[in-house]
Amino acid sequence: MKMLLAIFSEEIDDDVMTSLAAIGIHCFTEWTGVLGKGQHSGPRFDNKYWPGVNNVAMFVVPDETIPKALAVLKEIRQKNLGHEGMKAFVLNVEQKLE
């Protein structure tokens, strides 16, 4: 199993979540209103100088789901390039409490 951790602008939240649901990823944990700065993006500190916030979503999925999920996220990122940012990371899941 793998964990897909996606960090993205709140403006594209619906697109991210709907697109992943369309490929069968329905279970997630999401943090909203997250502040931060990326290596290639401006700060998002939810103030008048650096407006906006990000959301972070975590999905635990079978290994074989990752390529399709990354392709979906890459497509969303390309569509919004220069407007809204996104990063995604894949981590190994060693155990899962059932």
Foldseek 3Di string as FASTA:
>chain_A
DKKKKKKKFPVCVVVLQVLLVVVPFNDKDKDPFAWDDDPPGDTDDCDPVRHGGMMMMMGDDDPVCVVVSVVSVVVVCVVQPPHMDMDMDMGDDDDDDD
